[in-house]
Amino acid sequence: MVNENNRIRVAVQKSGRLSEESLRLLTNCGIRLRPQKEELICQSDNFPLDLLRVRDDDIPGLIADGSCDFGIIGTNVLQEKSLQNGEKSRITHEIIEYLGFALCRLSISVPKNFPYQDIRCLEKCRIATSYPHLLSLFLKQYKLNIKITTLTGSVEIAPRLGIAEGICDLVSTGATLEANNLREVETIFKSQAVLIKSPNLLNPEKKIVSDFLQNKIKQFKKTNKTMS
């Protein structure tokens, strides 16, 4: 039996874009997991692994403080958190593998009747977003007078509510934009799921387990075209 201290912890999104694909990846690597909706921690019965199902924006913090050894997260969240935390975030995680799912882009969109020609058309406009740091970094190169309004959800309705002239939000199929009479005009960041790990895996036996997991995921990616 594996000592409890040698089990690795993997944090994944509890629900949302990355949740099902993350579970599918681990299952296809031969790890048996039967998470129930109400269970936040699930143990594998054939591998020394515990799965933590959490909010995606909590995953970088769980890796940073050593509560989890691995995490599956979108690069959009990872980069936003890194920019938010500044210098102290630079050594809190290591990207092990780009996983090739949950592909999306962070884009600026405006109402279809907005007379948009280029980024300069947004001078003195308000842009609503859940990613203020990524948006601010993008806008710095243009030196425009643009007000960033931070929202935690339902960003797409901001123009209809009159609180912003445009939005900056994740786009996958574009269906949400279409439903809210918006059109995408600038892509500022391309995102996908990545496997990250803590740089502080010091337990030798635990490191053996973590290396095995990394190799299983890399092997699966090589032999499965849907993950390339």
C-alpha atoms as a PDB file:
ATOM      1  CA  MET A   1       0.000   0.000   0.000  1.00  0.00           C
ATOM      2  CA  VAL A   2       1.207   3.489  -0.848  1.00  0.00           C
ATOM      3  CA  ASN A   3       1.743   5.791   2.096  1.00  0.00           C
ATOM      4  CA  GLU A   4      -0.814   8.622   2.171  1.00  0.00           C
ATOM      5  CA  ASN A   5       2.067  11.112   2.146  1.00  0.00           C
ATOM      6  CA  ASN A   6       3.202   9.694  -1.200  1.00  0.00           C
ATOM      7  CA  ARG A   7      -0.110  10.228  -2.981  1.00  0.00           C
ATOM      8  CA  ILE A   8      -0.125  13.091  -5.456  1.00  0.00           C
ATOM      9  CA  ARG A   9      -2.886  15.664  -5.620  1.00  0.00           C
ATOM     10  CA  VAL A  10      -4.202  16.968  -8.914  1.00  0.00           C
ATOM     11  CA  ALA A  11      -6.457  20.026  -9.038  1.00  0.00           C
ATOM     12  CA  VAL A  12      -8.963  20.344 -11.882  1.00  0.00           C
ATOM     13  CA  GLN A  13     -11.857  22.645 -12.636  1.00  0.00           C
ATOM     14  CA  LYS A  14     -14.985  21.524 -10.784  1.00  0.00           C
ATOM     15  CA  SER A  15     -17.287  22.470 -13.659  1.00  0.00           C
ATOM     16  CA  GLY A  16     -16.913  24.327 -16.912  1.00  0.00           C
ATOM     17  CA  ARG A  17     -14.880  24.148 -20.107  1.00  0.00           C
ATOM     18  CA  LEU A  18     -11.961  22.146 -18.728  1.00  0.00           C
ATOM     19  CA  SER A  19     -13.761  19.792 -16.347  1.00  0.00           C
ATOM     20  CA  GLU A  20     -14.913  16.943 -18.596  1.00  0.00           C
ATOM     21  CA  GLU A  21     -11.809  16.977 -20.802  1.00  0.00           C
ATOM     22  CA  SER A  22      -9.507  16.884 -17.759  1.00  0.00           C
ATOM     23  CA  LEU A  23     -11.323  13.837 -16.380  1.00  0.00           C
ATOM     24  CA  ARG A  24     -11.254  12.198 -19.816  1.00  0.00           C
ATOM     25  CA  LEU A  25      -7.496  12.727 -20.048  1.00  0.00           C
ATOM     26  CA  LEU A  26      -6.837  11.104 -16.683  1.00  0.00           C
ATOM     27  CA  THR A  27      -9.230   8.236 -17.434  1.00  0.00           C
ATOM     28  CA  ASN A  28      -7.576   7.571 -20.786  1.00  0.00           C
ATOM     29  CA  CYS A  29      -4.228   7.431 -19.003  1.00  0.00           C
ATOM     30  CA  GLY A  30      -5.584   4.443 -17.072  1.00  0.00           C
ATOM     31  CA  ILE A  31      -6.495   6.258 -13.852  1.00  0.00           C
ATOM     32  CA  ARG A  32      -9.835   5.139 -12.448  1.00  0.00           C
ATOM     33  CA  LEU A  33     -11.849   7.993 -11.012  1.00  0.00           C
ATOM     34  CA  ARG A  34     -15.541   8.095 -10.225  1.00  0.00           C
ATOM     35  CA  PRO A  35     -16.124  11.650  -9.028  1.00  0.00           C
ATOM     36  CA  GLN A  36     -19.601  12.503  -7.855  1.00  0.00           C
ATOM     37  CA  LYS A  37     -20.986  16.019  -8.228  1.00  0.00           C
ATOM     38  CA  GLU A  38     -20.967  16.602  -4.480  1.00  0.00           C
ATOM     39  CA  GLU A  39     -17.440  15.252  -3.962  1.00  0.00           C
ATOM     40  CA  LEU A  40     -14.657  17.838  -3.965  1.00  0.00           C
ATOM     41  CA  ILE A  41     -11.895  15.274  -3.320  1.00  0.00           C
ATOM     42  CA  CYS A  42     -11.905  11.941  -5.170  1.00  0.00           C
ATOM     43  CA  GLN A  43      -9.397   9.120  -4.719  1.00  0.00           C
ATOM     44  CA  SER A  44      -8.249   6.835  -7.515  1.00  0.00           C
ATOM     45  CA  ASP A  45      -8.510   3.159  -6.584  1.00  0.00           C
ATOM     46  CA  ASN A  46      -5.718   2.002  -8.913  1.00  0.00           C
ATOM     47  CA  PHE A  47      -3.205   4.861  -8.710  1.00  0.00           C
ATOM     48  CA  PRO A  48      -1.805   6.896  -5.785  1.00  0.00           C
ATOM     49  CA  LEU A  49      -3.668  10.022  -6.851  1.00  0.00           C
ATOM     50  CA  ASP A  50      -6.273  12.290  -5.269  1.00  0.00           C
ATOM     51  CA  LEU A  51      -8.331  14.572  -7.479  1.00  0.00           C
ATOM     52  CA  LEU A  52      -9.413  17.978  -6.147  1.00  0.00           C
ATOM     53  CA  ARG A  53     -12.349  19.590  -7.970  1.00  0.00           C
ATOM     54  CA  VAL A  54     -12.142  23.338  -7.431  1.00  0.00           C
ATOM     55  CA  ARG A  55     -12.696  26.730  -9.062  1.00  0.00           C
ATOM     56  CA  ASP A  56     -10.226  27.183 -11.902  1.00  0.00           C
ATOM     57  CA  ASP A  57      -8.909  30.494 -10.596  1.00  0.00           C
ATOM     58  CA  ASP A  58      -8.043  28.789  -7.275  1.00  0.00           C
ATOM     59  CA  ILE A  59      -5.723  26.272  -8.959  1.00  0.00           C
ATOM     60  CA  PRO A  60      -2.600  28.495  -9.239  1.00  0.00           C
ATOM     61  CA  GLY A  61      -2.849  29.303  -5.514  1.00  0.00           C
ATOM     62  CA  LEU A  62      -3.215  25.645  -4.557  1.00  0.00           C
ATOM     63  CA  ILE A  63      -0.083  24.830  -6.567  1.00  0.00           C
ATOM     64  CA  ALA A  64       1.795  27.822  -5.126  1.00  0.00           C
ATOM     65  CA  ASP A  65       1.148  26.956  -1.473  1.00  0.00           C
ATOM     66  CA  GLY A  66       1.853  23.241  -1.950  1.00  0.00           C
ATOM     67  CA  SER A  67      -1.696  22.037  -1.342  1.00  0.00           C
ATOM     68  CA  CYS A  68      -1.634  20.348  -4.767  1.00  0.00           C
ATOM     69  CA  ASP A  69       1.170  18.851  -6.811  1.00  0.00           C
ATOM     70  CA  PHE A  70      -0.419  19.213 -10.254  1.00  0.00           C
ATOM     71  CA  GLY A  71      -3.145  21.253 -11.857  1.00  0.00           C
ATOM     72  CA  ILE A  72      -4.939  21.322 -15.196  1.00  0.00           C
ATOM     73  CA  ILE A  73      -5.820  24.892 -16.094  1.00  0.00           C
ATOM     74  CA  GLY A  74      -6.311  27.209 -19.034  1.00  0.00           C
ATOM     75  CA  THR A  75      -3.396  29.461 -19.945  1.00  0.00           C
ATOM     76  CA  ASN A  76      -5.822  32.390 -19.852  1.00  0.00           C
ATOM     77  CA  VAL A  77      -6.384  31.964 -16.106  1.00  0.00           C
ATOM     78  CA  LEU A  78      -2.733  31.118 -15.465  1.00  0.00           C
ATOM     79  CA  GLN A  79      -1.463  34.228 -17.231  1.00  0.00           C
ATOM     80  CA  GLU A  80      -4.074  36.518 -15.668  1.00  0.00           C
ATOM     81  CA  LYS A  81      -3.140  35.288 -12.181  1.00  0.00           C
ATOM     82  CA  SER A  82       0.575  35.656 -12.936  1.00  0.00           C
ATOM     83  CA  LEU A  83       0.093  39.258 -14.035  1.00  0.00           C
ATOM     84  CA  GLN A  84      -2.079  39.953 -10.999  1.00  0.00           C
ATOM     85  CA  ASN A  85       0.468  38.556  -8.544  1.00  0.00           C
ATOM     86  CA  GLY A  86       3.508  40.071 -10.244  1.00  0.00           C
ATOM     87  CA  GLU A  87       7.043  38.952  -9.465  1.00  0.00           C
ATOM     88  CA  LYS A  88       6.074  36.610  -6.611  1.00  0.00           C
ATOM     89  CA  SER A  89       4.158  34.335  -9.027  1.00  0.00           C
ATOM     90  CA  ARG A  90       7.085  33.536 -11.284  1.00  0.00           C
ATOM     91  CA  ILE A  91       8.419  30.499  -9.408  1.00  0.00           C
ATOM     92  CA  THR A  92       5.171  29.026  -8.077  1.00  0.00           C
ATOM     93  CA  HIS A  93       4.466  26.585 -10.915  1.00  0.00           C
ATOM     94  CA  GLU A  94       6.001  24.888 -13.915  1.00  0.00           C
ATOM     95  CA  ILE A  95       4.183  24.178 -17.184  1.00  0.00           C
ATOM     96  CA  ILE A  96       4.783  20.505 -17.968  1.00  0.00           C
ATOM     97  CA  GLU A  97       2.589  19.935 -21.013  1.00  0.00           C
ATOM     98  CA  TYR A  98       0.347  21.848 -23.389  1.00  0.00           C
ATOM     99  CA  LEU A  99      -2.690  19.575 -23.600  1.00  0.00           C
ATOM    100  CA  GLY A 100      -4.373  20.745 -26.805  1.00  0.00           C
ATOM    101  CA  PHE A 101      -7.948  20.975 -25.542  1.00  0.00           C
ATOM    102  CA  ALA A 102     -10.164  23.815 -24.267  1.00  0.00           C
ATOM    103  CA  LEU A 103      -8.912  25.906 -27.168  1.00  0.00           C
ATOM    104  CA  CYS A 104     -10.257  29.437 -27.114  1.00  0.00           C
ATOM    105  CA  ARG A 105      -9.164  33.041 -27.476  1.00  0.00           C
ATOM    106  CA  LEU A 106      -9.524  36.175 -25.400  1.00  0.00           C
ATOM    107  CA  SER A 107     -10.925  38.826 -27.701  1.00  0.00           C
ATOM    108  CA  ILE A 108     -12.302  42.329 -27.757  1.00  0.00           C
ATOM    109  CA  SER A 109     -15.828  42.489 -29.144  1.00  0.00           C
ATOM    110  CA  VAL A 110     -18.178  45.383 -29.828  1.00  0.00           C
ATOM    111  CA  PRO A 111     -21.850  45.741 -30.792  1.00  0.00           C
ATOM    112  CA  LYS A 112     -22.452  45.044 -34.462  1.00  0.00           C
ATOM    113  CA  ASN A 113     -23.508  48.649 -35.061  1.00  0.00           C
ATOM    114  CA  PHE A 114     -20.307  50.051 -33.507  1.00  0.00           C
ATOM    115  CA  PRO A 115     -18.279  51.838 -36.252  1.00  0.00           C
ATOM    116  CA  TYR A 116     -15.082  49.839 -35.637  1.00  0.00           C
ATOM    117  CA  GLN A 117     -12.139  50.150 -38.039  1.00  0.00           C
ATOM    118  CA  ASP A 118      -9.107  49.589 -35.804  1.00  0.00           C
ATOM    119  CA  ILE A 119      -8.086  49.637 -32.151  1.00  0.00           C
ATOM    120  CA  ARG A 120      -7.928  53.434 -32.135  1.00  0.00           C
ATOM    121  CA  CYS A 121     -11.723  53.520 -32.461  1.00  0.00           C
ATOM    122  CA  LEU A 122     -11.860  52.483 -28.804  1.00  0.00           C
ATOM    123  CA  GLU A 123     -10.304  55.741 -27.575  1.00  0.00           C
ATOM    124  CA  LYS A 124     -12.245  56.976 -24.495  1.00  0.00           C
ATOM    125  CA  CYS A 125     -14.431  53.852 -24.524  1.00  0.00           C
ATOM    126  CA  ARG A 126     -15.178  51.508 -21.639  1.00  0.00           C
ATOM    127  CA  ILE A 127     -14.384  47.801 -21.975  1.00  0.00           C
ATOM    128  CA  ALA A 128     -15.848  45.237 -19.581  1.00  0.00           C
ATOM    129  CA  THR A 129     -13.821  42.110 -18.848  1.00  0.00           C
ATOM    130  CA  SER A 130     -12.998  39.378 -16.334  1.00  0.00           C
ATOM    131  CA  TYR A 131      -9.343  39.603 -17.451  1.00  0.00           C
ATOM    132  CA  PRO A 132      -8.262  43.177 -16.601  1.00  0.00           C
ATOM    133  CA  HIS A 133      -4.544  42.407 -16.404  1.00  0.00           C
ATOM    134  CA  LEU A 134      -4.317  40.646 -19.761  1.00  0.00           C
ATOM    135  CA  LEU A 135      -6.378  43.404 -21.367  1.00  0.00           C
ATOM    136  CA  SER A 136      -4.279  46.138 -19.757  1.00  0.00           C
ATOM    137  CA  LEU A 137      -1.067  44.500 -20.980  1.00  0.00           C
ATOM    138  CA  PHE A 138      -2.430  44.373 -24.530  1.00  0.00           C
ATOM    139  CA  LEU A 139      -3.649  47.978 -24.480  1.00  0.00           C
ATOM    140  CA  LYS A 140      -0.381  49.417 -23.156  1.00  0.00           C
ATOM    141  CA  GLN A 141       1.223  49.212 -26.577  1.00  0.00           C
ATOM    142  CA  TYR A 142      -1.391  51.561 -28.047  1.00  0.00           C
ATOM    143  CA  LYS A 143      -1.372  54.224 -25.291  1.00  0.00           C
ATOM    144  CA  LEU A 144      -5.104  54.794 -25.585  1.00  0.00           C
ATOM    145  CA  ASN A 145      -7.412  56.367 -23.033  1.00  0.00           C
ATOM    146  CA  ILE A 146      -9.604  53.323 -22.373  1.00  0.00           C
ATOM    147  CA  LYS A 147     -11.369  52.535 -19.105  1.00  0.00           C
ATOM    148  CA  ILE A 148     -11.356  48.887 -18.055  1.00  0.00           C
ATOM    149  CA  THR A 149     -14.444  47.792 -16.110  1.00  0.00           C
ATOM    150  CA  THR A 150     -13.930  44.511 -14.241  1.00  0.00           C
ATOM    151  CA  LEU A 151     -16.850  42.055 -14.093  1.00  0.00           C
ATOM    152  CA  THR A 152     -16.770  38.515 -12.718  1.00  0.00           C
ATOM    153  CA  GLY A 153     -19.406  37.113 -15.064  1.00  0.00           C
ATOM    154  CA  SER A 154     -22.011  37.813 -17.755  1.00  0.00           C
ATOM    155  CA  VAL A 155     -19.561  40.170 -19.449  1.00  0.00           C
ATOM    156  CA  GLU A 156     -21.418  39.917 -22.760  1.00  0.00           C
ATOM    157  CA  ILE A 157     -24.409  41.894 -21.509  1.00  0.00           C
ATOM    158  CA  ALA A 158     -22.357  44.945 -20.459  1.00  0.00           C
ATOM    159  CA  PRO A 159     -23.003  46.942 -23.677  1.00  0.00           C
ATOM    160  CA  ARG A 160     -26.764  46.284 -23.435  1.00  0.00           C
ATOM    161  CA  LEU A 161     -26.727  47.521 -19.848  1.00  0.00           C
ATOM    162  CA  GLY A 162     -24.921  50.683 -20.893  1.00  0.00           C
ATOM    163  CA  ILE A 163     -21.931  50.096 -18.611  1.00  0.00           C
ATOM    164  CA  ALA A 164     -19.421  49.532 -21.436  1.00  0.00           C
ATOM    165  CA  GLU A 165     -19.033  50.143 -25.150  1.00  0.00           C
ATOM    166  CA  GLY A 166     -17.181  46.861 -25.689  1.00  0.00           C
ATOM    167  CA  ILE A 167     -16.131  43.678 -23.931  1.00  0.00           C
ATOM    168  CA  CYS A 168     -13.049  41.493 -23.667  1.00  0.00           C
ATOM    169  CA  ASP A 169     -14.012  37.879 -23.076  1.00  0.00           C
ATOM    170  CA  LEU A 170     -13.246  34.291 -24.046  1.00  0.00           C
ATOM    171  CA  VAL A 171     -14.491  33.193 -27.446  1.00  0.00           C
ATOM    172  CA  SER A 172     -14.757  29.610 -28.632  1.00  0.00           C
ATOM    173  CA  THR A 173     -17.536  29.164 -31.192  1.00  0.00           C
ATOM    174  CA  GLY A 174     -18.766  32.755 -31.199  1.00  0.00           C
ATOM    175  CA  ALA A 175     -22.336  31.697 -30.421  1.00  0.00           C
ATOM    176  CA  THR A 176     -22.533  33.829 -27.257  1.00  0.00           C
ATOM    177  CA  LEU A 177     -21.385  36.896 -29.164  1.00  0.00           C
ATOM    178  CA  GLU A 178     -23.965  36.289 -31.869  1.00  0.00           C
ATOM    179  CA  ALA A 179     -26.722  35.854 -29.300  1.00  0.00           C
ATOM    180  CA  ASN A 180     -25.839  39.239 -27.810  1.00  0.00           C
ATOM    181  CA  ASN A 181     -25.457  41.074 -31.129  1.00  0.00           C
ATOM    182  CA  LEU A 182     -21.680  41.447 -30.748  1.00  0.00           C
ATOM    183  CA  ARG A 183     -18.814  40.981 -33.184  1.00  0.00           C
ATOM    184  CA  GLU A 184     -15.226  40.042 -32.467  1.00  0.00           C
ATOM    185  CA  VAL A 185     -12.691  42.691 -33.552  1.00  0.00           C
ATOM    186  CA  GLU A 186      -9.356  41.995 -31.810  1.00  0.00           C
ATOM    187  CA  THR A 187      -7.786  38.785 -30.485  1.00  0.00           C
ATOM    188  CA  ILE A 188      -5.432  39.533 -27.600  1.00  0.00           C
ATOM    189  CA  PHE A 189      -4.574  36.077 -26.237  1.00  0.00           C
ATOM    190  CA  LYS A 190      -4.903  32.447 -27.391  1.00  0.00           C
ATOM    191  CA  SER A 191      -5.534  29.868 -24.703  1.00  0.00           C
ATOM    192  CA  GLN A 192      -5.549  26.117 -24.162  1.00  0.00           C
ATOM    193  CA  ALA A 193      -5.373  23.703 -21.242  1.00  0.00           C
ATOM    194  CA  VAL A 194      -1.979  22.992 -19.704  1.00  0.00           C
ATOM    195  CA  LEU A 195      -0.644  20.643 -17.054  1.00  0.00           C
ATOM    196  CA  ILE A 196       1.244  22.538 -14.357  1.00  0.00           C
ATOM    197  CA  LYS A 197       3.090  21.251 -11.326  1.00  0.00           C
ATOM    198  CA  SER A 198       4.624  22.536  -8.140  1.00  0.00           C
ATOM    199  CA  PRO A 199       8.406  23.073  -8.332  1.00  0.00           C
ATOM    200  CA  ASN A 200       8.690  21.718  -4.775  1.00  0.00           C
ATOM    201  CA  LEU A 201       8.132  17.971  -5.142  1.00  0.00           C
ATOM    202  CA  LEU A 202      10.865  16.947  -2.695  1.00  0.00           C
ATOM    203  CA  ASN A 203       9.526  13.596  -1.466  1.00  0.00           C
ATOM    204  CA  PRO A 204      11.509  10.989  -3.514  1.00  0.00           C
ATOM    205  CA  GLU A 205       8.677   8.434  -3.611  1.00  0.00           C
ATOM    206  CA  LYS A 206       6.156  11.100  -4.504  1.00  0.00           C
ATOM    207  CA  LYS A 207       8.439  12.293  -7.299  1.00  0.00           C
ATOM    208  CA  ILE A 208       8.468   8.778  -8.772  1.00  0.00           C
ATOM    209  CA  VAL A 209       4.665   8.810  -8.860  1.00  0.00           C
ATOM    210  CA  SER A 210       4.567  12.297 -10.403  1.00  0.00           C
ATOM    211  CA  ASP A 211       7.116  11.366 -13.088  1.00  0.00           C
ATOM    212  CA  PHE A 212       5.024   8.316 -13.965  1.00  0.00           C
ATOM    213  CA  LEU A 213       1.898  10.478 -14.356  1.00  0.00           C
ATOM    214  CA  GLN A 214       3.729  12.966 -16.577  1.00  0.00           C
ATOM    215  CA  ASN A 215       5.028  10.181 -18.807  1.00  0.00           C
ATOM    216  CA  LYS A 216       1.560   8.610 -19.087  1.00  0.00           C
ATOM    217  CA  ILE A 217       0.085  11.924 -20.244  1.00  0.00           C
ATOM    218  CA  LYS A 218       2.890  12.506 -22.756  1.00  0.00           C
ATOM    219  CA  GLN A 219       2.492   8.979 -24.140  1.00  0.00           C
ATOM    220  CA  PHE A 220      -1.257   9.409 -24.438  1.00  0.00           C
ATOM    221  CA  LYS A 221      -0.830  12.666 -26.341  1.00  0.00           C
ATOM    222  CA  LYS A 222       1.536  11.035 -28.820  1.00  0.00           C
ATOM    223  CA  THR A 223      -0.831   8.162 -29.582  1.00  0.00           C
ATOM    224  CA  ASN A 224      -4.122  10.055 -29.592  1.00  0.00           C
ATOM    225  CA  LYS A 225      -4.708  12.424 -32.483  1.00  0.00           C
ATOM    226  CA  THR A 226      -7.544  14.191 -30.710  1.00  0.00           C
ATOM    227  CA  MET A 227      -5.098  15.492 -28.101  1.00  0.00           C
ATOM    228  CA  SER A 228      -2.508  16.800 -30.585  1.00  0.00           C
END
